[in-house]
Amino acid sequence: MSVHLYKQGFSYLDAPKCGSTSLKHFFFEIENGFEFRRFHANGRARNIHNAVYPARDFASQPHRRIAAHTRVAVVRDPVGRLLSCYGNRVLGGGDLDSLDLTGSQRARGMTERPDLATFVRFLPDYRALSPSVAHHSQPLSHFLGTDPDYYSRVFGMGDLDELVSMVAERVGDVPNLGRMTRNRFRSHVHDLTEDVRTAIEVHYAEDIQLFGAWM
């Protein structure tokens, strides 16, 4: 998942649940001069991700072509990312509602509508069963690589105003950065038990090691 402004020599590489929807709308308007609107084509809903800026892992980025670009990324702490995935994809999107769980999986405690603790406990299993959950819970390194020095700058979620200013210095006038994904099923970090928080941090230990300075 990425945006490459070849005329301006600027690249934004992103990971899900790190403000990517809002930032892609922001960059789309810069590139095209108008806001992106969802639409339907051939019976399929089209959004900013599947119509314009589709998913792309780090290995498949056009690294040679963007070698001279200013390259930026946005990261988020793993607890916040997974809470967003759970609230948006599991509770809001119902991505696990139609799972065909086996008797063995049910006996272990899995359910199509897991609470947060159950979701975290069986995260590898749910990721194996749901492509959407798997995509939105991939480690940051899957999309951003394992070398923070690849980037001209890494931003945390609290630094997006600075990212907007950086882009404005490069391209001139820019649109406002809105918030495109609103989660009605928000789970707050403070509602977590320490056991669940620890389990998430263990699962994403590499991300914390690589990008923890900006989380």
N, C-alpha and C. Protein backbone atom coordinates (compact mmCIF):
# COMPACT_ATOMS: atom_id res chain seq x y z
N MET A 1 0.86 -1.17 0.00
CA MET A 1 0.00 0.00 0.00
C MET A 1 0.90 1.23 0.00
N SER A 2 0.77 2.06 -1.01
CA SER A 2 1.69 3.18 -1.10
C SER A 2 1.16 4.22 -2.06
N VAL A 3 1.73 5.42 -1.94
CA VAL A 3 1.45 6.52 -2.86
C VAL A 3 2.80 7.06 -3.32
N HIS A 4 2.99 7.13 -4.62
CA HIS A 4 4.25 7.65 -5.16
C HIS A 4 3.94 8.88 -6.02
N LEU A 5 4.40 10.03 -5.57
CA LEU A 5 4.26 11.27 -6.34
C LEU A 5 5.54 11.44 -7.15
N TYR A 6 5.53 10.90 -8.35
CA TYR A 6 6.76 10.86 -9.15
C TYR A 6 7.21 12.25 -9.59
N LYS A 7 6.27 13.14 -9.87
CA LYS A 7 6.64 14.49 -10.28
C LYS A 7 7.34 15.25 -9.15
N GLN A 8 6.88 15.00 -7.93
CA GLN A 8 7.44 15.71 -6.79
C GLN A 8 8.53 14.92 -6.07
N GLY A 9 8.78 13.68 -6.49
CA GLY A 9 9.81 12.87 -5.85
C GLY A 9 9.50 12.54 -4.40
N PHE A 10 8.25 12.16 -4.15
CA PHE A 10 7.80 11.92 -2.77
C PHE A 10 7.03 10.61 -2.72
N SER A 11 7.36 9.76 -1.75
CA SER A 11 6.67 8.47 -1.60
C SER A 11 6.21 8.27 -0.17
N TYR A 12 4.98 7.81 -0.05
CA TYR A 12 4.39 7.45 1.24
C TYR A 12 4.09 5.96 1.22
N LEU A 13 4.76 5.20 2.07
CA LEU A 13 4.49 3.77 2.22
C LEU A 13 3.71 3.59 3.50
N ASP A 14 2.63 2.83 3.42
CA ASP A 14 1.76 2.75 4.59
C ASP A 14 1.42 1.33 4.98
N ALA A 15 0.91 1.20 6.18
CA ALA A 15 0.42 -0.07 6.71
C ALA A 15 -1.01 0.14 7.19
N PRO A 16 -1.85 -0.88 7.13
CA PRO A 16 -3.23 -0.75 7.59
C PRO A 16 -3.30 -0.33 9.06
N LYS A 17 -4.36 0.40 9.38
CA LYS A 17 -4.64 0.84 10.74
C LYS A 17 -3.62 1.85 11.25
N CYS A 18 -3.04 2.59 10.32
CA CYS A 18 -2.10 3.67 10.67
C CYS A 18 -2.50 4.95 9.95
N GLY A 19 -3.80 5.21 9.89
CA GLY A 19 -4.28 6.41 9.22
C GLY A 19 -4.26 6.33 7.72
N SER A 20 -4.15 5.13 7.15
CA SER A 20 -3.92 5.00 5.72
C SER A 20 -5.09 5.48 4.87
N THR A 21 -6.32 5.22 5.31
CA THR A 21 -7.47 5.63 4.50
C THR A 21 -7.50 7.15 4.36
N SER A 22 -7.35 7.85 5.47
CA SER A 22 -7.36 9.31 5.43
C SER A 22 -6.21 9.86 4.60
N LEU A 23 -5.03 9.28 4.76
CA LEU A 23 -3.87 9.77 4.02
C LEU A 23 -3.98 9.49 2.53
N LYS A 24 -4.56 8.37 2.16
CA LYS A 24 -4.73 8.09 0.73
C LYS A 24 -5.72 9.06 0.09
N HIS A 25 -6.79 9.40 0.81
CA HIS A 25 -7.71 10.42 0.30
C HIS A 25 -6.98 11.76 0.15
N PHE A 26 -6.15 12.08 1.10
CA PHE A 26 -5.35 13.30 1.08
C PHE A 26 -4.45 13.34 -0.15
N PHE A 27 -3.71 12.26 -0.38
CA PHE A 27 -2.79 12.22 -1.52
C PHE A 27 -3.53 12.13 -2.85
N PHE A 28 -4.67 11.46 -2.87
CA PHE A 28 -5.45 11.39 -4.11
C PHE A 28 -5.85 12.80 -4.56
N GLU A 29 -6.30 13.62 -3.63
CA GLU A 29 -6.71 14.98 -3.99
C GLU A 29 -5.52 15.80 -4.47
N ILE A 30 -4.35 15.58 -3.89
CA ILE A 30 -3.15 16.27 -4.35
C ILE A 30 -2.83 15.87 -5.78
N GLU A 31 -2.91 14.58 -6.07
CA GLU A 31 -2.57 14.07 -7.40
C GLU A 31 -3.58 14.47 -8.47
N ASN A 32 -4.86 14.56 -8.09
CA ASN A 32 -5.92 14.68 -9.10
C ASN A 32 -6.71 15.97 -9.04
N GLY A 33 -6.59 16.72 -7.96
CA GLY A 33 -7.29 18.00 -7.89
C GLY A 33 -8.74 17.92 -7.48
N PHE A 34 -9.21 16.75 -7.09
CA PHE A 34 -10.59 16.60 -6.61
C PHE A 34 -10.64 15.45 -5.61
N GLU A 35 -11.70 15.43 -4.81
CA GLU A 35 -11.83 14.40 -3.79
C GLU A 35 -12.22 13.06 -4.39
N PHE A 36 -11.71 12.00 -3.81
CA PHE A 36 -12.13 10.66 -4.22
C PHE A 36 -13.49 10.35 -3.62
N ARG A 37 -14.36 9.75 -4.44
CA ARG A 37 -15.68 9.30 -3.98
C ARG A 37 -15.83 7.82 -4.28
N ARG A 38 -16.37 7.10 -3.34
CA ARG A 38 -16.62 5.68 -3.58
C ARG A 38 -17.62 5.52 -4.72
N PHE A 39 -17.48 4.40 -5.44
CA PHE A 39 -18.40 4.15 -6.54
C PHE A 39 -18.54 2.64 -6.73
N HIS A 40 -19.51 2.26 -7.57
CA HIS A 40 -19.72 0.86 -7.92
C HIS A 40 -19.42 0.66 -9.40
N ALA A 41 -18.74 -0.41 -9.72
CA ALA A 41 -18.45 -0.76 -11.11
C ALA A 41 -18.54 -2.26 -11.26
N ASN A 42 -19.29 -2.68 -12.26
CA ASN A 42 -19.47 -4.12 -12.51
C ASN A 42 -19.95 -4.86 -11.27
N GLY A 43 -20.85 -4.20 -10.55
CA GLY A 43 -21.45 -4.82 -9.38
C GLY A 43 -20.57 -4.87 -8.15
N ARG A 44 -19.44 -4.20 -8.18
CA ARG A 44 -18.51 -4.25 -7.05
C ARG A 44 -18.26 -2.85 -6.50
N ALA A 45 -18.27 -2.75 -5.19
CA ALA A 45 -17.97 -1.47 -4.55
C ALA A 45 -16.49 -1.15 -4.68
N ARG A 46 -16.20 0.08 -5.04
CA ARG A 46 -14.81 0.52 -5.20
C ARG A 46 -14.50 1.60 -4.17
N ASN A 47 -13.38 1.41 -3.48
CA ASN A 47 -12.94 2.40 -2.51
C ASN A 47 -11.52 2.84 -2.83
N ILE A 48 -10.98 3.70 -1.99
CA ILE A 48 -9.66 4.26 -2.26
C ILE A 48 -8.58 3.19 -2.32
N HIS A 49 -8.81 2.08 -1.60
CA HIS A 49 -7.81 1.02 -1.55
C HIS A 49 -7.84 0.12 -2.78
N ASN A 50 -9.03 -0.35 -3.14
CA ASN A 50 -9.07 -1.31 -4.26
C ASN A 50 -9.19 -0.65 -5.62
N ALA A 51 -9.48 0.65 -5.64
CA ALA A 51 -9.62 1.33 -6.93
C ALA A 51 -8.39 2.14 -7.32
N VAL A 52 -7.64 2.62 -6.34
CA VAL A 52 -6.55 3.55 -6.64
C VAL A 52 -5.21 3.10 -6.05
N TYR A 53 -5.19 2.85 -4.77
CA TYR A 53 -3.94 2.52 -4.08
C TYR A 53 -4.06 1.14 -3.42
N PRO A 54 -3.92 0.07 -4.17
CA PRO A 54 -4.10 -1.28 -3.61
C PRO A 54 -2.95 -1.70 -2.70
N ALA A 55 -3.21 -2.78 -1.98
CA ALA A 55 -2.21 -3.30 -1.03
C ALA A 55 -0.93 -3.70 -1.75
N ARG A 56 0.18 -3.42 -1.11
CA ARG A 56 1.47 -3.80 -1.68
C ARG A 56 2.45 -4.01 -0.53
N ASP A 57 3.07 -5.18 -0.50
CA ASP A 57 4.04 -5.41 0.57
C ASP A 57 5.36 -4.72 0.23
N PHE A 58 6.24 -4.65 1.21
CA PHE A 58 7.47 -3.89 1.04
C PHE A 58 8.33 -4.45 -0.09
N ALA A 59 8.38 -5.77 -0.20
CA ALA A 59 9.25 -6.39 -1.20
C ALA A 59 8.85 -6.03 -2.62
N SER A 60 7.57 -5.74 -2.84
CA SER A 60 7.10 -5.46 -4.20
C SER A 60 7.04 -3.98 -4.52
N GLN A 61 7.56 -3.13 -3.65
CA GLN A 61 7.61 -1.70 -3.94
C GLN A 61 8.61 -1.43 -5.08
N PRO A 62 8.40 -0.35 -5.84
CA PRO A 62 9.33 -0.01 -6.93
C PRO A 62 10.58 0.69 -6.39
N HIS A 63 11.39 -0.04 -5.67
CA HIS A 63 12.48 0.57 -4.92
C HIS A 63 13.46 1.34 -5.80
N ARG A 64 13.80 0.79 -6.95
CA ARG A 64 14.75 1.50 -7.82
C ARG A 64 14.16 2.81 -8.31
N ARG A 65 12.89 2.78 -8.64
CA ARG A 65 12.27 3.97 -9.20
C ARG A 65 12.13 5.08 -8.16
N ILE A 66 12.00 4.71 -6.89
CA ILE A 66 11.82 5.73 -5.85
C ILE A 66 13.09 5.91 -5.01
N ALA A 67 14.21 5.45 -5.52
CA ALA A 67 15.45 5.50 -4.75
C ALA A 67 15.83 6.93 -4.35
N ALA A 68 15.53 7.90 -5.22
CA ALA A 68 15.89 9.29 -4.94
C ALA A 68 14.76 10.06 -4.28
N HIS A 69 13.63 9.40 -4.02
CA HIS A 69 12.48 10.08 -3.43
C HIS A 69 12.70 10.39 -1.96
N THR A 70 11.99 11.40 -1.48
CA THR A 70 11.76 11.53 -0.05
C THR A 70 10.73 10.47 0.32
N ARG A 71 11.09 9.58 1.23
CA ARG A 71 10.22 8.45 1.57
C ARG A 71 9.78 8.57 3.03
N VAL A 72 8.47 8.43 3.25
CA VAL A 72 7.94 8.55 4.61
C VAL A 72 7.02 7.38 4.91
N ALA A 73 6.83 7.14 6.19
CA ALA A 73 5.91 6.10 6.66
C ALA A 73 5.26 6.59 7.95
N VAL A 74 4.09 6.03 8.24
CA VAL A 74 3.38 6.32 9.49
C VAL A 74 3.22 5.02 10.25
N VAL A 75 3.55 5.04 11.53
CA VAL A 75 3.44 3.83 12.35
C VAL A 75 2.54 4.09 13.55
N ARG A 76 2.10 3.00 14.14
CA ARG A 76 1.20 3.07 15.30
C ARG A 76 1.56 1.93 16.24
N ASP A 77 1.36 2.15 17.53
CA ASP A 77 1.68 1.10 18.48
C ASP A 77 0.80 -0.12 18.22
N PRO A 78 1.31 -1.33 18.45
CA PRO A 78 0.58 -2.54 18.08
C PRO A 78 -0.73 -2.71 18.83
N VAL A 79 -0.81 -2.23 20.06
CA VAL A 79 -2.06 -2.34 20.80
C VAL A 79 -3.14 -1.51 20.11
N GLY A 80 -2.82 -0.27 19.78
CA GLY A 80 -3.78 0.57 19.08
C GLY A 80 -4.16 0.02 17.72
N ARG A 81 -3.19 -0.52 17.00
CA ARG A 81 -3.48 -1.10 15.68
C ARG A 81 -4.44 -2.27 15.79
N LEU A 82 -4.16 -3.19 16.73
CA LEU A 82 -5.00 -4.38 16.81
C LEU A 82 -6.38 -4.05 17.38
N LEU A 83 -6.47 -3.09 18.29
CA LEU A 83 -7.77 -2.66 18.76
C LEU A 83 -8.58 -2.09 17.61
N SER A 84 -7.94 -1.32 16.75
CA SER A 84 -8.63 -0.77 15.59
C SER A 84 -9.08 -1.86 14.65
N CYS A 85 -8.23 -2.84 14.42
CA CYS A 85 -8.59 -3.99 13.58
C CYS A 85 -9.78 -4.73 14.17
N TYR A 86 -9.74 -4.98 15.46
CA TYR A 86 -10.83 -5.70 16.12
C TYR A 86 -12.14 -4.92 16.04
N GLY A 87 -12.09 -3.64 16.37
CA GLY A 87 -13.31 -2.84 16.35
C GLY A 87 -13.87 -2.65 14.96
N ASN A 88 -12.99 -2.41 13.99
CA ASN A 88 -13.43 -2.10 12.64
C ASN A 88 -13.79 -3.33 11.83
N ARG A 89 -12.97 -4.36 11.90
CA ARG A 89 -13.17 -5.54 11.05
C ARG A 89 -14.01 -6.63 11.71
N VAL A 90 -13.84 -6.85 13.01
CA VAL A 90 -14.56 -7.93 13.69
C VAL A 90 -15.93 -7.47 14.15
N LEU A 91 -15.97 -6.38 14.93
CA LEU A 91 -17.25 -5.89 15.43
C LEU A 91 -18.01 -5.09 14.39
N GLY A 92 -17.34 -4.15 13.74
CA GLY A 92 -18.01 -3.30 12.77
C GLY A 92 -18.29 -3.99 11.45
N GLY A 93 -17.29 -4.65 10.89
CA GLY A 93 -17.45 -5.28 9.59
C GLY A 93 -18.00 -6.69 9.63
N GLY A 94 -17.99 -7.32 10.80
CA GLY A 94 -18.49 -8.69 10.90
C GLY A 94 -17.70 -9.68 10.07
N ASP A 95 -16.41 -9.47 9.95
CA ASP A 95 -15.60 -10.30 9.06
C ASP A 95 -15.47 -11.75 9.52
N LEU A 96 -15.76 -12.01 10.79
CA LEU A 96 -15.67 -13.38 11.29
C LEU A 96 -17.04 -14.04 11.45
N ASP A 97 -18.11 -13.29 11.17
CA ASP A 97 -19.46 -13.78 11.44
C ASP A 97 -19.80 -15.05 10.68
N SER A 98 -19.25 -15.21 9.49
CA SER A 98 -19.62 -16.35 8.65
C SER A 98 -18.59 -17.47 8.67
N LEU A 99 -17.70 -17.46 9.64
CA LEU A 99 -16.70 -18.53 9.73
C LEU A 99 -17.37 -19.88 9.94
N ASP A 100 -16.81 -20.89 9.32
CA ASP A 100 -17.29 -22.26 9.50
C ASP A 100 -16.32 -22.96 10.46
N LEU A 101 -16.51 -22.70 11.74
CA LEU A 101 -15.60 -23.24 12.75
C LEU A 101 -15.86 -24.73 12.97
N THR A 102 -14.80 -25.45 13.22
CA THR A 102 -14.91 -26.88 13.49
C THR A 102 -15.29 -27.09 14.96
N GLY A 103 -15.73 -28.30 15.26
CA GLY A 103 -16.04 -28.63 16.64
C GLY A 103 -14.83 -28.48 17.54
N SER A 104 -13.67 -28.84 17.03
CA SER A 104 -12.44 -28.72 17.80
C SER A 104 -12.13 -27.27 18.10
N GLN A 105 -12.32 -26.39 17.11
CA GLN A 105 -12.05 -24.97 17.33
C GLN A 105 -13.01 -24.39 18.36
N ARG A 106 -14.27 -24.78 18.29
CA ARG A 106 -15.24 -24.30 19.27
C ARG A 106 -14.90 -24.81 20.67
N ALA A 107 -14.46 -26.06 20.74
CA ALA A 107 -14.11 -26.63 22.04
C ALA A 107 -12.94 -25.90 22.67
N ARG A 108 -12.06 -25.37 21.84
CA ARG A 108 -10.91 -24.61 22.34
C ARG A 108 -11.31 -23.23 22.82
N GLY A 109 -12.50 -22.76 22.41
CA GLY A 109 -12.97 -21.45 22.86
C GLY A 109 -13.17 -20.44 21.76
N MET A 110 -12.95 -20.82 20.50
CA MET A 110 -13.14 -19.89 19.40
C MET A 110 -14.63 -19.69 19.12
N THR A 111 -14.98 -18.52 18.66
CA THR A 111 -16.35 -18.18 18.31
C THR A 111 -16.33 -17.20 17.16
N GLU A 112 -17.47 -17.10 16.44
CA GLU A 112 -17.53 -16.17 15.32
C GLU A 112 -17.60 -14.72 15.77
N ARG A 113 -17.93 -14.50 17.02
CA ARG A 113 -18.05 -13.13 17.54
C ARG A 113 -17.24 -13.02 18.83
N PRO A 114 -15.93 -13.14 18.72
CA PRO A 114 -15.09 -13.21 19.93
C PRO A 114 -15.02 -11.88 20.67
N ASP A 115 -14.90 -11.96 21.99
CA ASP A 115 -14.54 -10.76 22.72
C ASP A 115 -13.06 -10.49 22.46
N LEU A 116 -12.59 -9.36 22.95
CA LEU A 116 -11.23 -8.96 22.62
C LEU A 116 -10.20 -9.97 23.10
N ALA A 117 -10.36 -10.47 24.32
CA ALA A 117 -9.40 -11.42 24.86
C ALA A 117 -9.34 -12.69 24.03
N THR A 118 -10.51 -13.17 23.59
CA THR A 118 -10.56 -14.37 22.76
C THR A 118 -9.93 -14.12 21.40
N PHE A 119 -10.20 -12.95 20.84
CA PHE A 119 -9.62 -12.59 19.55
C PHE A 119 -8.10 -12.58 19.62
N VAL A 120 -7.56 -11.99 20.65
CA VAL A 120 -6.10 -11.92 20.80
C VAL A 120 -5.52 -13.30 21.07
N ARG A 121 -6.19 -14.07 21.90
CA ARG A 121 -5.69 -15.41 22.24
C ARG A 121 -5.56 -16.29 21.00
N PHE A 122 -6.55 -16.19 20.11
CA PHE A 122 -6.56 -17.04 18.92
C PHE A 122 -6.23 -16.25 17.65
N LEU A 123 -5.48 -15.17 17.80
CA LEU A 123 -5.19 -14.32 16.65
C LEU A 123 -4.59 -15.09 15.47
N PRO A 124 -3.61 -15.96 15.65
CA PRO A 124 -3.08 -16.71 14.49
C PRO A 124 -4.15 -17.54 13.79
N ASP A 125 -5.07 -18.12 14.57
CA ASP A 125 -6.14 -18.92 13.98
C ASP A 125 -7.11 -18.04 13.18
N TYR A 126 -7.51 -16.92 13.76
CA TYR A 126 -8.43 -16.03 13.06
C TYR A 126 -7.78 -15.44 11.81
N ARG A 127 -6.51 -15.16 11.87
CA ARG A 127 -5.81 -14.64 10.70
C ARG A 127 -5.78 -15.69 9.59
N ALA A 128 -5.64 -16.95 9.96
CA ALA A 128 -5.62 -18.02 8.96
C ALA A 128 -6.98 -18.23 8.32
N LEU A 129 -8.05 -17.87 9.03
CA LEU A 129 -9.40 -18.11 8.54
C LEU A 129 -9.99 -16.91 7.80
N SER A 130 -9.48 -15.72 8.05
CA SER A 130 -10.06 -14.50 7.47
C SER A 130 -8.99 -13.68 6.76
N PRO A 131 -9.02 -13.62 5.42
CA PRO A 131 -8.05 -12.79 4.70
C PRO A 131 -8.10 -11.32 5.11
N SER A 132 -9.30 -10.82 5.40
CA SER A 132 -9.41 -9.42 5.79
C SER A 132 -8.73 -9.15 7.13
N VAL A 133 -9.01 -10.00 8.10
CA VAL A 133 -8.36 -9.85 9.40
C VAL A 133 -6.85 -10.03 9.26
N ALA A 134 -6.44 -10.99 8.45
CA ALA A 134 -5.01 -11.22 8.23
C ALA A 134 -4.34 -9.98 7.66
N HIS A 135 -4.98 -9.37 6.67
CA HIS A 135 -4.41 -8.18 6.03
C HIS A 135 -4.28 -7.03 7.02
N HIS A 136 -5.34 -6.77 7.77
CA HIS A 136 -5.35 -5.62 8.66
C HIS A 136 -4.53 -5.82 9.93
N SER A 137 -4.09 -7.04 10.17
CA SER A 137 -3.28 -7.31 11.36
C SER A 137 -1.86 -7.76 11.01
N GLN A 138 -1.47 -7.59 9.75
CA GLN A 138 -0.10 -7.92 9.37
C GLN A 138 0.88 -7.04 10.16
N PRO A 139 2.03 -7.57 10.51
CA PRO A 139 3.04 -6.73 11.16
C PRO A 139 3.42 -5.54 10.28
N LEU A 140 3.82 -4.47 10.91
CA LEU A 140 4.27 -3.30 10.16
C LEU A 140 5.39 -3.66 9.19
N SER A 141 6.26 -4.55 9.60
CA SER A 141 7.41 -4.90 8.77
C SER A 141 7.00 -5.51 7.43
N HIS A 142 5.83 -6.11 7.37
CA HIS A 142 5.35 -6.68 6.11
C HIS A 142 5.19 -5.59 5.05
N PHE A 143 4.76 -4.43 5.48
CA PHE A 143 4.51 -3.32 4.55
C PHE A 143 5.65 -2.31 4.51
N LEU A 144 6.35 -2.15 5.62
CA LEU A 144 7.34 -1.08 5.73
C LEU A 144 8.78 -1.56 5.74
N GLY A 145 8.98 -2.87 5.75
CA GLY A 145 10.34 -3.39 5.79
C GLY A 145 10.90 -3.41 7.20
N THR A 146 12.17 -3.70 7.29
CA THR A 146 12.81 -3.87 8.60
C THR A 146 13.93 -2.87 8.87
N ASP A 147 14.02 -1.84 8.04
CA ASP A 147 15.08 -0.84 8.22
C ASP A 147 14.47 0.56 8.26
N PRO A 148 14.28 1.13 9.45
CA PRO A 148 13.72 2.48 9.54
C PRO A 148 14.54 3.52 8.79
N ASP A 149 15.84 3.27 8.60
CA ASP A 149 16.69 4.22 7.89
C ASP A 149 16.37 4.30 6.40
N TYR A 150 15.53 3.39 5.92
CA TYR A 150 15.07 3.46 4.53
C TYR A 150 14.27 4.74 4.31
N TYR A 151 13.69 5.25 5.38
CA TYR A 151 12.78 6.39 5.26
C TYR A 151 13.47 7.71 5.60
N SER A 152 13.07 8.74 4.87
CA SER A 152 13.55 10.08 5.19
C SER A 152 13.03 10.49 6.56
N ARG A 153 11.79 10.05 6.85
CA ARG A 153 11.23 10.28 8.18
C ARG A 153 10.12 9.29 8.44
N VAL A 154 10.04 8.83 9.68
CA VAL A 154 8.94 8.00 10.15
C VAL A 154 8.10 8.85 11.09
N PHE A 155 6.78 8.81 10.90
CA PHE A 155 5.87 9.60 11.72
C PHE A 155 5.04 8.69 12.61
N GLY A 156 4.74 9.15 13.81
CA GLY A 156 3.76 8.49 14.65
C GLY A 156 2.38 9.05 14.35
N MET A 157 1.36 8.41 14.89
CA MET A 157 -0.01 8.86 14.63
C MET A 157 -0.27 10.26 15.18
N GLY A 158 0.50 10.66 16.17
CA GLY A 158 0.33 11.99 16.72
C GLY A 158 1.08 13.08 15.97
N ASP A 159 1.76 12.69 14.90
CA ASP A 159 2.59 13.64 14.15
C ASP A 159 2.07 13.91 12.75
N LEU A 160 0.81 13.60 12.50
CA LEU A 160 0.30 13.72 11.13
C LEU A 160 0.28 15.17 10.64
N ASP A 161 0.09 16.13 11.56
CA ASP A 161 0.14 17.53 11.15
C ASP A 161 1.52 17.87 10.58
N GLU A 162 2.56 17.28 11.16
CA GLU A 162 3.91 17.51 10.66
C GLU A 162 4.10 16.87 9.29
N LEU A 163 3.46 15.73 9.07
CA LEU A 163 3.52 15.10 7.75
C LEU A 163 2.84 15.98 6.71
N VAL A 164 1.68 16.52 7.06
CA VAL A 164 0.97 17.42 6.14
C VAL A 164 1.84 18.62 5.81
N SER A 165 2.50 19.19 6.80
CA SER A 165 3.37 20.34 6.56
C SER A 165 4.54 19.97 5.66
N MET A 166 5.08 18.78 5.85
CA MET A 166 6.19 18.32 5.03
C MET A 166 5.76 18.18 3.57
N VAL A 167 4.56 17.65 3.36
CA VAL A 167 4.05 17.51 1.99
C VAL A 167 3.80 18.88 1.39
N ALA A 168 3.25 19.80 2.17
CA ALA A 168 2.96 21.14 1.67
C ALA A 168 4.23 21.86 1.24
N GLU A 169 5.32 21.65 1.96
CA GLU A 169 6.59 22.25 1.57
C GLU A 169 7.05 21.74 0.21
N ARG A 170 6.66 20.51 -0.10
CA ARG A 170 7.10 19.90 -1.36
C ARG A 170 6.17 20.24 -2.52
N VAL A 171 4.86 20.26 -2.29
CA VAL A 171 3.91 20.38 -3.41
C VAL A 171 3.14 21.68 -3.42
N GLY A 172 3.21 22.48 -2.35
CA GLY A 172 2.42 23.71 -2.30
C GLY A 172 1.14 23.49 -1.51
N ASP A 173 0.06 24.12 -1.95
CA ASP A 173 -1.22 24.01 -1.24
C ASP A 173 -1.68 22.56 -1.18
N VAL A 174 -2.17 22.15 -0.02
CA VAL A 174 -2.66 20.79 0.16
C VAL A 174 -4.04 20.83 0.79
N PRO A 175 -4.86 19.80 0.60
CA PRO A 175 -6.18 19.75 1.23
C PRO A 175 -6.05 19.47 2.72
N ASN A 176 -7.16 19.62 3.42
CA ASN A 176 -7.17 19.24 4.82
C ASN A 176 -7.11 17.72 4.94
N LEU A 177 -6.45 17.26 5.98
CA LEU A 177 -6.39 15.83 6.24
C LEU A 177 -7.58 15.47 7.12
N GLY A 178 -8.58 14.82 6.53
CA GLY A 178 -9.75 14.42 7.29
C GLY A 178 -9.56 13.08 7.93
N ARG A 179 -10.59 12.65 8.63
CA ARG A 179 -10.59 11.32 9.22
C ARG A 179 -11.67 10.52 8.51
N MET A 180 -11.23 9.54 7.70
CA MET A 180 -12.15 8.83 6.82
C MET A 180 -12.73 7.57 7.44
N THR A 181 -12.06 6.98 8.42
CA THR A 181 -12.55 5.74 9.04
C THR A 181 -12.95 6.04 10.46
N ARG A 182 -14.24 5.93 10.74
CA ARG A 182 -14.74 6.18 12.09
C ARG A 182 -15.30 4.88 12.64
N ASN A 183 -14.80 4.48 13.78
CA ASN A 183 -15.14 3.19 14.36
C ASN A 183 -16.20 3.36 15.44
N ARG A 184 -17.39 2.86 15.17
CA ARG A 184 -18.47 2.94 16.16
C ARG A 184 -18.25 1.95 17.30
N PHE A 185 -17.36 1.00 17.10
CA PHE A 185 -17.13 -0.05 18.09
C PHE A 185 -15.75 0.12 18.71
N ARG A 186 -15.46 1.34 19.13
CA ARG A 186 -14.12 1.66 19.62
C ARG A 186 -13.84 0.95 20.94
N SER A 187 -12.71 0.28 20.98
CA SER A 187 -12.22 -0.31 22.22
C SER A 187 -11.01 0.51 22.67
N HIS A 188 -10.99 0.89 23.89
CA HIS A 188 -9.93 1.77 24.37
C HIS A 188 -8.81 0.97 25.03
N VAL A 189 -7.62 1.49 24.88
CA VAL A 189 -6.46 0.83 25.47
C VAL A 189 -6.66 0.62 26.97
N HIS A 190 -7.31 1.57 27.62
CA HIS A 190 -7.47 1.49 29.07
C HIS A 190 -8.41 0.37 29.49
N ASP A 191 -9.18 -0.18 28.56
CA ASP A 191 -10.08 -1.30 28.87
C ASP A 191 -9.36 -2.64 28.82
N LEU A 192 -8.14 -2.65 28.37
CA LEU A 192 -7.40 -3.90 28.24
C LEU A 192 -6.93 -4.42 29.60
N THR A 193 -6.90 -5.73 29.72
CA THR A 193 -6.20 -6.31 30.85
C THR A 193 -4.72 -6.33 30.53
N GLU A 194 -3.90 -6.42 31.53
CA GLU A 194 -2.46 -6.47 31.30
C GLU A 194 -2.06 -7.73 30.54
N ASP A 195 -2.77 -8.82 30.78
CA ASP A 195 -2.46 -10.06 30.06
C ASP A 195 -2.70 -9.91 28.56
N VAL A 196 -3.81 -9.27 28.19
CA VAL A 196 -4.12 -9.08 26.78
C VAL A 196 -3.12 -8.12 26.15
N ARG A 197 -2.83 -7.03 26.86
CA ARG A 197 -1.86 -6.07 26.35
C ARG A 197 -0.50 -6.74 26.11
N THR A 198 -0.08 -7.54 27.07
CA THR A 198 1.20 -8.22 26.94
C THR A 198 1.21 -9.19 25.77
N ALA A 199 0.10 -9.91 25.59
CA ALA A 199 0.01 -10.86 24.48
C ALA A 199 0.15 -10.15 23.14
N ILE A 200 -0.48 -8.98 23.01
CA ILE A 200 -0.37 -8.21 21.77
C ILE A 200 1.08 -7.77 21.56
N GLU A 201 1.69 -7.26 22.60
CA GLU A 201 3.06 -6.76 22.47
C GLU A 201 4.04 -7.89 22.16
N VAL A 202 3.80 -9.07 22.68
CA VAL A 202 4.65 -10.21 22.35
C VAL A 202 4.48 -10.59 20.89
N HIS A 203 3.23 -10.59 20.42
CA HIS A 203 2.96 -10.96 19.03
C HIS A 203 3.64 -10.00 18.06
N TYR A 204 3.70 -8.72 18.43
CA TYR A 204 4.27 -7.70 17.54
C TYR A 204 5.61 -7.18 18.08
N ALA A 205 6.36 -8.06 18.72
CA ALA A 205 7.63 -7.65 19.33
C ALA A 205 8.59 -7.06 18.31
N GLU A 206 8.63 -7.63 17.11
CA GLU A 206 9.55 -7.10 16.10
C GLU A 206 9.19 -5.68 15.71
N ASP A 207 7.89 -5.40 15.56
CA ASP A 207 7.47 -4.05 15.21
C ASP A 207 7.89 -3.05 16.28
N ILE A 208 7.75 -3.45 17.54
CA ILE A 208 8.15 -2.57 18.63
C ILE A 208 9.65 -2.33 18.60
N GLN A 209 10.40 -3.37 18.33
CA GLN A 209 11.86 -3.23 18.25
C GLN A 209 12.26 -2.30 17.11
N LEU A 210 11.59 -2.45 15.96
CA LEU A 210 11.97 -1.68 14.78
C LEU A 210 11.48 -0.24 14.84
N PHE A 211 10.22 -0.05 15.23
CA PHE A 211 9.58 1.26 15.09
C PHE A 211 9.10 1.85 16.41
N GLY A 212 9.49 1.24 17.53
CA GLY A 212 9.01 1.70 18.83
C GLY A 212 9.36 3.14 19.14
N ALA A 213 10.42 3.66 18.59
CA ALA A 213 10.83 5.04 18.86
C ALA A 213 9.82 6.05 18.36
N TRP A 214 8.96 5.66 17.43
CA TRP A 214 7.98 6.58 16.85
C TRP A 214 6.55 6.25 17.26
N MET A 215 6.37 5.25 18.09
CA MET A 215 5.01 4.84 18.47
C MET A 215 4.49 5.67 19.65
